[in-house]
Amino acid sequence: MRAKARNNKKTPKRESVSALKKELMALAFEPIYSSSFKDVVTRLTVMLQALASQYGYDVEFSGRVTKISDGDRYYFEYPVTLKRGSVSRKLKLGVQYLFYEEGKWVGMIVDVKP
């Protein structure tokens, strides 16, 4: 009976991580527009931190970022660690940035990997 109680306590944490991933993918339909690349990155970071805090996680960004550029398109893969107490989960967040008009940028999440 105790083993069952322990498993029930772990389930909500797992569900919250998968629910958070689903919400991050839903953000792919909400691009961020701005006149500067830096502003798009900052606004995306703030959105990610606010969303993670709703699920009780702190967000840590690794210094290692994979970047691929193709003309006016830039794809970044950010390694992100979600922490809650002693539990940590790692994700790779794929974000695409586009220079779409004179001095205007758009950024959007295109992939979330475990």
PDB file of N, CA and C in Angstrom:
ATOM      1  N   MET A   1       0.816  -1.194   0.000  1.00  0.00           N
ATOM      2  CA  MET A   1       0.000   0.000   0.000  1.00  0.00           C
ATOM      3  C   MET A   1       0.863   1.261   0.000  1.00  0.00           C
ATOM      4  N   ARG A   2       1.969   1.214   0.719  1.00  0.00           N
ATOM      5  CA  ARG A   2       2.855   2.376   0.741  1.00  0.00           C
ATOM      6  C   ARG A   2       3.461   2.638  -0.638  1.00  0.00           C
ATOM      7  N   ALA A   3       3.791   1.573  -1.358  1.00  0.00           N
ATOM      8  CA  ALA A   3       4.374   1.752  -2.698  1.00  0.00           C
ATOM      9  C   ALA A   3       3.400   2.486  -3.608  1.00  0.00           C
ATOM     10  N   LYS A   4       2.132   2.187  -3.479  1.00  0.00           N
ATOM     11  CA  LYS A   4       1.133   2.871  -4.291  1.00  0.00           C
ATOM     12  C   LYS A   4       1.082   4.356  -3.963  1.00  0.00           C
ATOM     13  N   ALA A   5       1.146   4.681  -2.688  1.00  0.00           N
ATOM     14  CA  ALA A   5       1.097   6.084  -2.271  1.00  0.00           C
ATOM     15  C   ALA A   5       2.299   6.845  -2.820  1.00  0.00           C
ATOM     16  N   ARG A   6       3.461   6.215  -2.830  1.00  0.00           N
ATOM     17  CA  ARG A   6       4.650   6.880  -3.368  1.00  0.00           C
ATOM     18  C   ARG A   6       4.500   7.139  -4.858  1.00  0.00           C
ATOM     19  N   ASN A   7       3.997   6.165  -5.592  1.00  0.00           N
ATOM     20  CA  ASN A   7       3.808   6.344  -7.028  1.00  0.00           C
ATOM     21  C   ASN A   7       2.817   7.465  -7.319  1.00  0.00           C
ATOM     22  N   ASN A   8       1.774   7.581  -6.530  1.00  0.00           N
ATOM     23  CA  ASN A   8       0.790   8.650  -6.727  1.00  0.00           C
ATOM     24  C   ASN A   8       1.404  10.019  -6.501  1.00  0.00           C
ATOM     25  N   LYS A   9       2.354  10.124  -5.593  1.00  0.00           N
ATOM     26  CA  LYS A   9       3.002  11.412  -5.343  1.00  0.00           C
ATOM     27  C   LYS A   9       3.881  11.826  -6.515  1.00  0.00           C
ATOM     28  N   LYS A  10       4.479  10.864  -7.216  1.00  0.00           N
ATOM     29  CA  LYS A  10       5.361  11.184  -8.335  1.00  0.00           C
ATOM     30  C   LYS A  10       4.587  11.532  -9.600  1.00  0.00           C
ATOM     31  N   THR A  11       3.422  10.992  -9.763  1.00  0.00           N
ATOM     32  CA  THR A  11       2.650  11.202 -10.987  1.00  0.00           C
ATOM     33  C   THR A  11       2.384  12.670 -11.296  1.00  0.00           C
ATOM     34  N   PRO A  12       1.913  13.500 -10.347  1.00  0.00           N
ATOM     35  CA  PRO A  12       1.659  14.898 -10.697  1.00  0.00           C
ATOM     36  C   PRO A  12       2.898  15.620 -11.209  1.00  0.00           C
ATOM     37  N   LYS A  13       4.065  15.301 -10.692  1.00  0.00           N
ATOM     38  CA  LYS A  13       5.288  15.944 -11.168  1.00  0.00           C
ATOM     39  C   LYS A  13       5.542  15.580 -12.622  1.00  0.00           C
ATOM     40  N   ARG A  14       5.375  14.309 -12.957  1.00  0.00           N
ATOM     41  CA  ARG A  14       5.579  13.888 -14.341  1.00  0.00           C
ATOM     42  C   ARG A  14       4.558  14.547 -15.253  1.00  0.00           C
ATOM     43  N   GLU A  15       3.329  14.604 -14.782  1.00  0.00           N
ATOM     44  CA  GLU A  15       2.283  15.232 -15.578  1.00  0.00           C
ATOM     45  C   GLU A  15       2.567  16.705 -15.792  1.00  0.00           C
ATOM     46  N   SER A  16       3.093  17.375 -14.772  1.00  0.00           N
ATOM     47  CA  SER A  16       3.344  18.800 -14.930  1.00  0.00           C
ATOM     48  C   SER A  16       4.451  19.057 -15.946  1.00  0.00           C
ATOM     49  N   VAL A  17       5.440  18.176 -16.031  1.00  0.00           N
ATOM     50  CA  VAL A  17       6.504  18.347 -17.021  1.00  0.00           C
ATOM     51  C   VAL A  17       5.935  18.153 -18.424  1.00  0.00           C
ATOM     52  N   SER A  18       5.124  17.122 -18.608  1.00  0.00           N
ATOM     53  CA  SER A  18       4.561  16.896 -19.941  1.00  0.00           C
ATOM     54  C   SER A  18       3.562  17.997 -20.299  1.00  0.00           C
ATOM     55  N   ALA A  19       2.812  18.486 -19.320  1.00  0.00           N
ATOM     56  CA  ALA A  19       1.886  19.590 -19.582  1.00  0.00           C
ATOM     57  C   ALA A  19       2.654  20.863 -19.932  1.00  0.00           C
ATOM     58  N   LEU A  20       3.768  21.088 -19.254  1.00  0.00           N
ATOM     59  CA  LEU A  20       4.611  22.248 -19.553  1.00  0.00           C
ATOM     60  C   LEU A  20       5.164  22.148 -20.981  1.00  0.00           C
ATOM     61  N   LYS A  21       5.604  20.959 -21.386  1.00  0.00           N
ATOM     62  CA  LYS A  21       6.107  20.763 -22.751  1.00  0.00           C
ATOM     63  C   LYS A  21       5.016  21.073 -23.774  1.00  0.00           C
ATOM     64  N   LYS A  22       3.796  20.617 -23.496  1.00  0.00           N
ATOM     65  CA  LYS A  22       2.680  20.878 -24.410  1.00  0.00           C
ATOM     66  C   LYS A  22       2.391  22.368 -24.515  1.00  0.00           C
ATOM     67  N   GLU A  23       2.457  23.064 -23.389  1.00  0.00           N
ATOM     68  CA  GLU A  23       2.227  24.511 -23.431  1.00  0.00           C
ATOM     69  C   GLU A  23       3.339  25.233 -24.170  1.00  0.00           C
ATOM     70  N   LEU A  24       4.566  24.761 -24.033  1.00  0.00           N
ATOM     71  CA  LEU A  24       5.676  25.362 -24.778  1.00  0.00           C
ATOM     72  C   LEU A  24       5.484  25.172 -26.278  1.00  0.00           C
ATOM     73  N   MET A  25       5.037  23.992 -26.681  1.00  0.00           N
ATOM     74  CA  MET A  25       4.776  23.765 -28.097  1.00  0.00           C
ATOM     75  C   MET A  25       3.609  24.623 -28.584  1.00  0.00           C
ATOM     76  N   ALA A  26       2.639  24.876 -27.722  1.00  0.00           N
ATOM     77  CA  ALA A  26       1.512  25.733 -28.094  1.00  0.00           C
ATOM     78  C   ALA A  26       1.975  27.162 -28.349  1.00  0.00           C
ATOM     79  N   LEU A  27       3.066  27.564 -27.722  1.00  0.00           N
ATOM     80  CA  LEU A  27       3.609  28.902 -27.942  1.00  0.00           C
ATOM     81  C   LEU A  27       4.152  29.071 -29.357  1.00  0.00           C
ATOM     82  N   ALA A  28       4.320  27.964 -30.073  1.00  0.00           N
ATOM     83  CA  ALA A  28       4.777  28.045 -31.465  1.00  0.00           C
ATOM     84  C   ALA A  28       3.778  28.820 -32.317  1.00  0.00           C
ATOM     85  N   PHE A  29       2.547  28.855 -31.871  1.00  0.00           N
ATOM     86  CA  PHE A  29       1.511  29.575 -32.606  1.00  0.00           C
ATOM     87  C   PHE A  29       1.407  31.035 -32.166  1.00  0.00           C
ATOM     88  N   GLU A  30       2.284  31.448 -31.262  1.00  0.00           N
ATOM     89  CA  GLU A  30       2.294  32.821 -30.771  1.00  0.00           C
ATOM     90  C   GLU A  30       3.671  33.437 -31.012  1.00  0.00           C
ATOM     91  N   PRO A  31       3.958  33.840 -32.237  1.00  0.00           N
ATOM     92  CA  PRO A  31       5.270  34.441 -32.515  1.00  0.00           C
ATOM     93  C   PRO A  31       5.438  35.773 -31.781  1.00  0.00           C
ATOM     94  N   ILE A  32       6.681  36.121 -31.527  1.00  0.00           N
ATOM     95  CA  ILE A  32       7.021  37.364 -30.839  1.00  0.00           C
ATOM     96  C   ILE A  32       7.658  38.298 -31.859  1.00  0.00           C
ATOM     97  N   TYR A  33       7.064  39.448 -32.029  1.00  0.00           N
ATOM     98  CA  TYR A  33       7.556  40.446 -32.988  1.00  0.00           C
ATOM     99  C   TYR A  33       8.240  41.585 -32.243  1.00  0.00           C
ATOM    100  N   SER A  34       9.309  42.095 -32.835  1.00  0.00           N
ATOM    101  CA  SER A  34       9.989  43.250 -32.250  1.00  0.00           C
ATOM    102  C   SER A  34      10.914  43.875 -33.286  1.00  0.00           C
ATOM    103  N   SER A  35      11.404  45.053 -32.945  1.00  0.00           N
ATOM    104  CA  SER A  35      12.325  45.732 -33.846  1.00  0.00           C
ATOM    105  C   SER A  35      13.774  45.340 -33.585  1.00  0.00           C
ATOM    106  N   SER A  36      14.030  44.548 -32.521  1.00  0.00           N
ATOM    107  CA  SER A  36      15.404  44.109 -32.274  1.00  0.00           C
ATOM    108  C   SER A  36      15.442  42.632 -31.901  1.00  0.00           C
ATOM    109  N   PHE A  37      16.499  41.993 -32.318  1.00  0.00           N
ATOM    110  CA  PHE A  37      16.713  40.577 -32.021  1.00  0.00           C
ATOM    111  C   PHE A  37      16.785  40.365 -30.514  1.00  0.00           C
ATOM    112  N   LYS A  38      17.514  41.227 -29.841  1.00  0.00           N
ATOM    113  CA  LYS A  38      17.703  41.114 -28.393  1.00  0.00           C
ATOM    114  C   LYS A  38      16.367  41.188 -27.664  1.00  0.00           C
ATOM    115  N   ASP A  39      15.468  42.058 -28.100  1.00  0.00           N
ATOM    116  CA  ASP A  39      14.163  42.182 -27.461  1.00  0.00           C
ATOM    117  C   ASP A  39      13.334  40.910 -27.634  1.00  0.00           C
ATOM    118  N   VAL A  40      13.411  40.289 -28.799  1.00  0.00           N
ATOM    119  CA  VAL A  40      12.679  39.042 -29.029  1.00  0.00           C
ATOM    120  C   VAL A  40      13.189  37.956 -28.085  1.00  0.00           C
ATOM    121  N   VAL A  41      14.508  37.824 -27.952  1.00  0.00           N
ATOM    122  CA  VAL A  41      15.103  36.824 -27.064  1.00  0.00           C
ATOM    123  C   VAL A  41      14.699  37.094 -25.616  1.00  0.00           C
ATOM    124  N   THR A  42      14.746  38.344 -25.207  1.00  0.00           N
ATOM    125  CA  THR A  42      14.384  38.704 -23.840  1.00  0.00           C
ATOM    126  C   THR A  42      12.920  38.384 -23.548  1.00  0.00           C
ATOM    127  N   ARG A  43      12.037  38.743 -24.453  1.00  0.00           N
ATOM    128  CA  ARG A  43      10.616  38.490 -24.249  1.00  0.00           C
ATOM    129  C   ARG A  43      10.302  36.993 -24.228  1.00  0.00           C
ATOM    130  N   LEU A  44      10.983  36.216 -25.066  1.00  0.00           N
ATOM    131  CA  LEU A  44      10.805  34.778 -25.072  1.00  0.00           C
ATOM    132  C   LEU A  44      11.280  34.170 -23.749  1.00  0.00           C
ATOM    133  N   THR A  45      12.406  34.643 -23.248  1.00  0.00           N
ATOM    134  CA  THR A  45      12.946  34.165 -21.979  1.00  0.00           C
ATOM    135  C   THR A  45      11.980  34.463 -20.837  1.00  0.00           C
ATOM    136  N   VAL A  46      11.432  35.663 -20.805  1.00  0.00           N
ATOM    137  CA  VAL A  46      10.477  36.042 -19.764  1.00  0.00           C
ATOM    138  C   VAL A  46       9.225  35.170 -19.834  1.00  0.00           C
ATOM    139  N   MET A  47       8.737  34.900 -21.055  1.00  0.00           N
ATOM    140  CA  MET A  47       7.565  34.032 -21.223  1.00  0.00           C
ATOM    141  C   MET A  47       7.845  32.628 -20.699  1.00  0.00           C
ATOM    142  N   LEU A  48       9.022  32.099 -21.002  1.00  0.00           N
ATOM    143  CA  LEU A  48       9.394  30.762 -20.554  1.00  0.00           C
ATOM    144  C   LEU A  48       9.474  30.707 -19.031  1.00  0.00           C
ATOM    145  N   GLN A  49      10.098  31.717 -18.420  1.00  0.00           N
ATOM    146  CA  GLN A  49      10.217  31.738 -16.968  1.00  0.00           C
ATOM    147  C   GLN A  49       8.855  31.852 -16.291  1.00  0.00           C
ATOM    148  N   ALA A  50       7.962  32.657 -16.836  1.00  0.00           N
ATOM    149  CA  ALA A  50       6.623  32.816 -16.261  1.00  0.00           C
ATOM    150  C   ALA A  50       5.840  31.507 -16.376  1.00  0.00           C
ATOM    151  N   LEU A  51       5.921  30.845 -17.509  1.00  0.00           N
ATOM    152  CA  LEU A  51       5.211  29.588 -17.711  1.00  0.00           C
ATOM    153  C   LEU A  51       5.747  28.505 -16.775  1.00  0.00           C
ATOM    154  N   ALA A  52       7.063  28.397 -16.662  1.00  0.00           N
ATOM    155  CA  ALA A  52       7.676  27.392 -15.785  1.00  0.00           C
ATOM    156  C   ALA A  52       7.308  27.644 -14.326  1.00  0.00           C
ATOM    157  N   SER A  53       7.244  28.896 -13.917  1.00  0.00           N
ATOM    158  CA  SER A  53       6.902  29.197 -12.520  1.00  0.00           C
ATOM    159  C   SER A  53       5.457  28.809 -12.206  1.00  0.00           C
ATOM    160  N   GLN A  54       4.576  28.814 -13.196  1.00  0.00           N
ATOM    161  CA  GLN A  54       3.201  28.351 -12.986  1.00  0.00           C
ATOM    162  C   GLN A  54       3.170  26.871 -12.610  1.00  0.00           C
ATOM    163  N   TYR A  55       4.159  26.125 -13.079  1.00  0.00           N
ATOM    164  CA  TYR A  55       4.253  24.706 -12.770  1.00  0.00           C
ATOM    165  C   TYR A  55       5.203  24.433 -11.600  1.00  0.00           C
ATOM    166  N   GLY A  56       5.701  25.482 -10.981  1.00  0.00           N
ATOM    167  CA  GLY A  56       6.571  25.331  -9.820  1.00  0.00           C
ATOM    168  C   GLY A  56       8.020  25.061 -10.144  1.00  0.00           C
ATOM    169  N   TYR A  57       8.457  25.362 -11.356  1.00  0.00           N
ATOM    170  CA  TYR A  57       9.840  25.129 -11.763  1.00  0.00           C
ATOM    171  C   TYR A  57      10.620  26.433 -11.855  1.00  0.00           C
ATOM    172  N   ASP A  58      11.916  26.332 -11.571  1.00  0.00           N
ATOM    173  CA  ASP A  58      12.862  27.399 -11.858  1.00  0.00           C
ATOM    174  C   ASP A  58      13.565  27.013 -13.154  1.00  0.00           C
ATOM    175  N   VAL A  59      13.916  28.004 -13.958  1.00  0.00           N
ATOM    176  CA  VAL A  59      14.539  27.746 -15.251  1.00  0.00           C
ATOM    177  C   VAL A  59      16.000  28.159 -15.208  1.00  0.00           C
ATOM    178  N   GLU A  60      16.867  27.279 -15.717  1.00  0.00           N
ATOM    179  CA  GLU A  60      18.284  27.607 -15.874  1.00  0.00           C
ATOM    180  C   GLU A  60      18.656  27.392 -17.329  1.00  0.00           C
ATOM    181  N   PHE A  61      19.303  28.378 -17.916  1.00  0.00           N
ATOM    182  CA  PHE A  61      19.767  28.285 -19.297  1.00  0.00           C
ATOM    183  C   PHE A  61      21.244  27.954 -19.296  1.00  0.00           C
ATOM    184  N   SER A  62      21.625  26.982 -20.104  1.00  0.00           N
ATOM    185  CA  SER A  62      23.023  26.609 -20.228  1.00  0.00           C
ATOM    186  C   SER A  62      23.733  27.621 -21.126  1.00  0.00           C
ATOM    187  N   GLY A  63      25.016  27.744 -20.978  1.00  0.00           N
ATOM    188  CA  GLY A  63      25.782  28.648 -21.823  1.00  0.00           C
ATOM    189  C   GLY A  63      26.000  28.111 -23.227  1.00  0.00           C
ATOM    190  N   ARG A  64      25.770  26.809 -23.416  1.00  0.00           N
ATOM    191  CA  ARG A  64      25.988  26.184 -24.723  1.00  0.00           C
ATOM    192  C   ARG A  64      24.724  26.284 -25.571  1.00  0.00           C
ATOM    193  N   VAL A  65      24.812  26.991 -26.638  1.00  0.00           N
ATOM    194  CA  VAL A  65      23.684  27.149 -27.552  1.00  0.00           C
ATOM    195  C   VAL A  65      24.135  26.732 -28.944  1.00  0.00           C
ATOM    196  N   THR A  66      23.341  25.889 -29.573  1.00  0.00           N
ATOM    197  CA  THR A  66      23.621  25.493 -30.949  1.00  0.00           C
ATOM    198  C   THR A  66      22.915  26.475 -31.864  1.00  0.00           C
ATOM    199  N   LYS A  67      23.660  27.024 -32.819  1.00  0.00           N
ATOM    200  CA  LYS A  67      23.101  28.030 -33.718  1.00  0.00           C
ATOM    201  C   LYS A  67      23.333  27.619 -35.155  1.00  0.00           C
ATOM    202  N   ILE A  68      22.274  27.713 -35.954  1.00  0.00           N
ATOM    203  CA  ILE A  68      22.360  27.455 -37.392  1.00  0.00           C
ATOM    204  C   ILE A  68      21.751  28.662 -38.088  1.00  0.00           C
ATOM    205  N   SER A  69      22.459  29.224 -39.049  1.00  0.00           N
ATOM    206  CA  SER A  69      21.898  30.370 -39.762  1.00  0.00           C
ATOM    207  C   SER A  69      21.814  30.061 -41.249  1.00  0.00           C
ATOM    208  N   ASP A  70      20.772  30.600 -41.859  1.00  0.00           N
ATOM    209  CA  ASP A  70      20.544  30.426 -43.285  1.00  0.00           C
ATOM    210  C   ASP A  70      19.937  31.720 -43.805  1.00  0.00           C
ATOM    211  N   GLY A  71      20.777  32.617 -44.252  1.00  0.00           N
ATOM    212  CA  GLY A  71      20.287  33.904 -44.744  1.00  0.00           C
ATOM    213  C   GLY A  71      19.669  34.731 -43.628  1.00  0.00           C
ATOM    214  N   ASP A  72      18.378  34.987 -43.741  1.00  0.00           N
ATOM    215  CA  ASP A  72      17.675  35.787 -42.737  1.00  0.00           C
ATOM    216  C   ASP A  72      17.000  34.929 -41.682  1.00  0.00           C
ATOM    217  N   ARG A  73      17.303  33.641 -41.655  1.00  0.00           N
ATOM    218  CA  ARG A  73      16.723  32.727 -40.676  1.00  0.00           C
ATOM    219  C   ARG A  73      17.814  32.218 -39.754  1.00  0.00           C
ATOM    220  N   TYR A  74      17.500  32.192 -38.477  1.00  0.00           N
ATOM    221  CA  TYR A  74      18.426  31.696 -37.465  1.00  0.00           C
ATOM    222  C   TYR A  74      17.692  30.692 -36.603  1.00  0.00           C
ATOM    223  N   TYR A  75      18.296  29.536 -36.399  1.00  0.00           N
ATOM    224  CA  TYR A  75      17.720  28.503 -35.555  1.00  0.00           C
ATOM    225  C   TYR A  75      18.656  28.298 -34.373  1.00  0.00           C
ATOM    226  N   PHE A  76      18.123  28.423 -33.172  1.00  0.00           N
ATOM    227  CA  PHE A  76      18.896  28.235 -31.954  1.00  0.00           C
ATOM    228  C   PHE A  76      18.301  27.064 -31.191  1.00  0.00           C
ATOM    229  N   GLU A  77      19.156  26.220 -30.629  1.00  0.00           N
ATOM    230  CA  GLU A  77      18.720  25.143 -29.761  1.00  0.00           C
ATOM    231  C   GLU A  77      19.288  25.420 -28.369  1.00  0.00           C
ATOM    232  N   TYR A  78      18.389  25.755 -27.447  1.00  0.00           N
ATOM    233  CA  TYR A  78      18.781  26.109 -26.095  1.00  0.00           C
ATOM    234  C   TYR A  78      18.625  24.917 -25.169  1.00  0.00           C
ATOM    235  N   PRO A  79      19.696  24.484 -24.495  1.00  0.00           N
ATOM    236  CA  PRO A  79      19.537  23.484 -23.440  1.00  0.00           C
ATOM    237  C   PRO A  79      18.989  24.188 -22.191  1.00  0.00           C
ATOM    238  N   VAL A  80      17.862  23.715 -21.698  1.00  0.00           N
ATOM    239  CA  VAL A  80      17.185  24.331 -20.563  1.00  0.00           C
ATOM    240  C   VAL A  80      17.030  23.291 -19.467  1.00  0.00           C
ATOM    241  N   THR A  81      17.287  23.686 -18.228  1.00  0.00           N
ATOM    242  CA  THR A  81      17.075  22.806 -17.086  1.00  0.00           C
ATOM    243  C   THR A  81      15.947  23.380 -16.247  1.00  0.00           C
ATOM    244  N   LEU A  82      14.946  22.545 -15.986  1.00  0.00           N
ATOM    245  CA  LEU A  82      13.834  22.926 -15.123  1.00  0.00           C
ATOM    246  C   LEU A  82      14.094  22.298 -13.762  1.00  0.00           C
ATOM    247  N   LYS A  83      14.061  23.105 -12.707  1.00  0.00           N
ATOM    248  CA  LYS A  83      14.360  22.603 -11.365  1.00  0.00           C
ATOM    249  C   LYS A  83      13.202  22.883 -10.428  1.00  0.00           C
ATOM    250  N   ARG A  84      12.913  21.869  -9.613  1.00  0.00           N
ATOM    251  CA  ARG A  84      11.936  21.998  -8.537  1.00  0.00           C
ATOM    252  C   ARG A  84      12.510  21.220  -7.366  1.00  0.00           C
ATOM    253  N   GLY A  85      12.979  21.934  -6.356  1.00  0.00           N
ATOM    254  CA  GLY A  85      13.628  21.272  -5.228  1.00  0.00           C
ATOM    255  C   GLY A  85      14.877  20.557  -5.704  1.00  0.00           C
ATOM    256  N   SER A  86      14.955  19.247  -5.409  1.00  0.00           N
ATOM    257  CA  SER A  86      16.125  18.474  -5.837  1.00  0.00           C
ATOM    258  C   SER A  86      15.904  17.787  -7.186  1.00  0.00           C
ATOM    259  N   VAL A  87      14.718  17.949  -7.752  1.00  0.00           N
ATOM    260  CA  VAL A  87      14.388  17.326  -9.032  1.00  0.00           C
ATOM    261  C   VAL A  87      14.725  18.275 -10.175  1.00  0.00           C
ATOM    262  N   SER A  88      15.396  17.759 -11.195  1.00  0.00           N
ATOM    263  CA  SER A  88      15.677  18.588 -12.366  1.00  0.00           C
ATOM    264  C   SER A  88      15.351  17.801 -13.636  1.00  0.00           C
ATOM    265  N   ARG A  89      14.843  18.506 -14.607  1.00  0.00           N
ATOM    266  CA  ARG A  89      14.502  17.938 -15.916  1.00  0.00           C
ATOM    267  C   ARG A  89      15.201  18.772 -16.977  1.00  0.00           C
ATOM    268  N   LYS A  90      15.740  18.100 -17.975  1.00  0.00           N
ATOM    269  CA  LYS A  90      16.424  18.821 -19.055  1.00  0.00           C
ATOM    270  C   LYS A  90      15.573  18.785 -20.314  1.00  0.00           C
ATOM    271  N   LEU A  91      15.531  19.916 -20.981  1.00  0.00           N
ATOM    272  CA  LEU A  91      14.828  20.055 -22.252  1.00  0.00           C
ATOM    273  C   LEU A  91      15.741  20.751 -23.242  1.00  0.00           C
ATOM    274  N   LYS A  92      15.474  20.527 -24.512  1.00  0.00           N
ATOM    275  CA  LYS A  92      16.126  21.318 -25.553  1.00  0.00           C
ATOM    276  C   LYS A  92      15.021  22.075 -26.256  1.00  0.00           C
ATOM    277  N   LEU A  93      15.145  23.376 -26.232  1.00  0.00           N
ATOM    278  CA  LEU A  93      14.131  24.255 -26.790  1.00  0.00           C
ATOM    279  C   LEU A  93      14.634  24.806 -28.118  1.00  0.00           C
ATOM    280  N   GLY A  94      13.958  24.463 -29.207  1.00  0.00           N
ATOM    281  CA  GLY A  94      14.325  24.950 -30.529  1.00  0.00           C
ATOM    282  C   GLY A  94      13.548  26.213 -30.853  1.00  0.00           C
ATOM    283  N   VAL A  95      14.265  27.276 -31.164  1.00  0.00           N
ATOM    284  CA  VAL A  95      13.640  28.570 -31.450  1.00  0.00           C
ATOM    285  C   VAL A  95      14.171  29.077 -32.785  1.00  0.00           C
ATOM    286  N   GLN A  96      13.262  29.545 -33.616  1.00  0.00           N
ATOM    287  CA  GLN A  96      13.653  30.104 -34.908  1.00  0.00           C
ATOM    288  C   GLN A  96      13.402  31.609 -34.895  1.00  0.00           C
ATOM    289  N   TYR A  97      14.390  32.350 -35.378  1.00  0.00           N
ATOM    290  CA  TYR A  97      14.294  33.801 -35.483  1.00  0.00           C
ATOM    291  C   TYR A  97      14.374  34.172 -36.956  1.00  0.00           C
ATOM    292  N   LEU A  98      13.518  35.087 -37.367  1.00  0.00           N
ATOM    293  CA  LEU A  98      13.497  35.512 -38.763  1.00  0.00           C
ATOM    294  C   LEU A  98      13.603  37.028 -38.840  1.00  0.00           C
ATOM    295  N   PHE A  99      14.426  37.493 -39.747  1.00  0.00           N
ATOM    296  CA  PHE A  99      14.492  38.911 -40.079  1.00  0.00           C
ATOM    297  C   PHE A  99      13.529  39.072 -41.239  1.00  0.00           C
ATOM    298  N   TYR A 100      12.339  39.652 -40.993  1.00  0.00           N
ATOM    299  CA  TYR A 100      11.304  39.618 -42.015  1.00  0.00           C
ATOM    300  C   TYR A 100      11.040  40.929 -42.720  1.00  0.00           C
ATOM    301  N   GLU A 101      11.540  42.020 -42.201  1.00  0.00           N
ATOM    302  CA  GLU A 101      11.331  43.320 -42.826  1.00  0.00           C
ATOM    303  C   GLU A 101      12.428  44.244 -42.318  1.00  0.00           C
ATOM    304  N   GLU A 102      12.609  45.350 -42.973  1.00  0.00           N
ATOM    305  CA  GLU A 102      13.658  46.297 -42.573  1.00  0.00           C
ATOM    306  C   GLU A 102      13.612  46.574 -41.072  1.00  0.00           C
ATOM    307  N   GLY A 103      14.580  46.020 -40.351  1.00  0.00           N
ATOM    308  CA  GLY A 103      14.702  46.271 -38.921  1.00  0.00           C
ATOM    309  C   GLY A 103      13.686  45.559 -38.052  1.00  0.00           C
ATOM    310  N   LYS A 104      13.008  44.524 -38.547  1.00  0.00           N
ATOM    311  CA  LYS A 104      11.998  43.833 -37.746  1.00  0.00           C
ATOM    312  C   LYS A 104      12.323  42.345 -37.652  1.00  0.00           C
ATOM    313  N   TRP A 105      12.114  41.805 -36.450  1.00  0.00           N
ATOM    314  CA  TRP A 105      12.402  40.410 -36.155  1.00  0.00           C
ATOM    315  C   TRP A 105      11.162  39.712 -35.624  1.00  0.00           C
ATOM    316  N   VAL A 106      11.124  38.409 -35.825  1.00  0.00           N
ATOM    317  CA  VAL A 106      10.094  37.563 -35.223  1.00  0.00           C
ATOM    318  C   VAL A 106      10.793  36.313 -34.705  1.00  0.00           C
ATOM    319  N   GLY A 107      10.361  35.849 -33.547  1.00  0.00           N
ATOM    320  CA  GLY A 107      10.908  34.635 -32.952  1.00  0.00           C
ATOM    321  C   GLY A 107       9.772  33.718 -32.551  1.00  0.00           C
ATOM    322  N   MET A 108       9.981  32.410 -32.725  1.00  0.00           N
ATOM    323  CA  MET A 108       8.958  31.453 -32.331  1.00  0.00           C
ATOM    324  C   MET A 108       9.581  30.122 -31.950  1.00  0.00           C
ATOM    325  N   ILE A 109       8.943  29.466 -30.996  1.00  0.00           N
ATOM    326  CA  ILE A 109       9.362  28.134 -30.591  1.00  0.00           C
ATOM    327  C   ILE A 109       8.921  27.164 -31.675  1.00  0.00           C
ATOM    328  N   VAL A 110       9.840  26.333 -32.129  1.00  0.00           N
ATOM    329  CA  VAL A 110       9.502  25.359 -33.175  1.00  0.00           C
ATOM    330  C   VAL A 110       9.687  23.910 -32.733  1.00  0.00           C
ATOM    331  N   ASP A 111      10.359  23.690 -31.581  1.00  0.00           N
ATOM    332  CA  ASP A 111      10.578  22.329 -31.136  1.00  0.00           C
ATOM    333  C   ASP A 111      10.883  22.295 -29.646  1.00  0.00           C
ATOM    334  N   VAL A 112      10.373  21.256 -28.980  1.00  0.00           N
ATOM    335  CA  VAL A 112      10.690  21.006 -27.565  1.00  0.00           C
ATOM    336  C   VAL A 112      11.046  19.540 -27.464  1.00  0.00           C
ATOM    337  N   LYS A 113      12.292  19.262 -27.078  1.00  0.00           N
ATOM    338  CA  LYS A 113      12.777  17.882 -26.974  1.00  0.00           C
ATOM    339  C   LYS A 113      13.121  17.565 -25.522  1.00  0.00           C
ATOM    340  N   PRO A 114      12.873  16.312 -25.111  1.00  0.00           N
ATOM    341  CA  PRO A 114      13.266  15.927 -23.740  1.00  0.00           C
ATOM    342  C   PRO A 114      14.767  15.758 -23.620  1.00  0.00           C
TER     343      PRO A 114
END
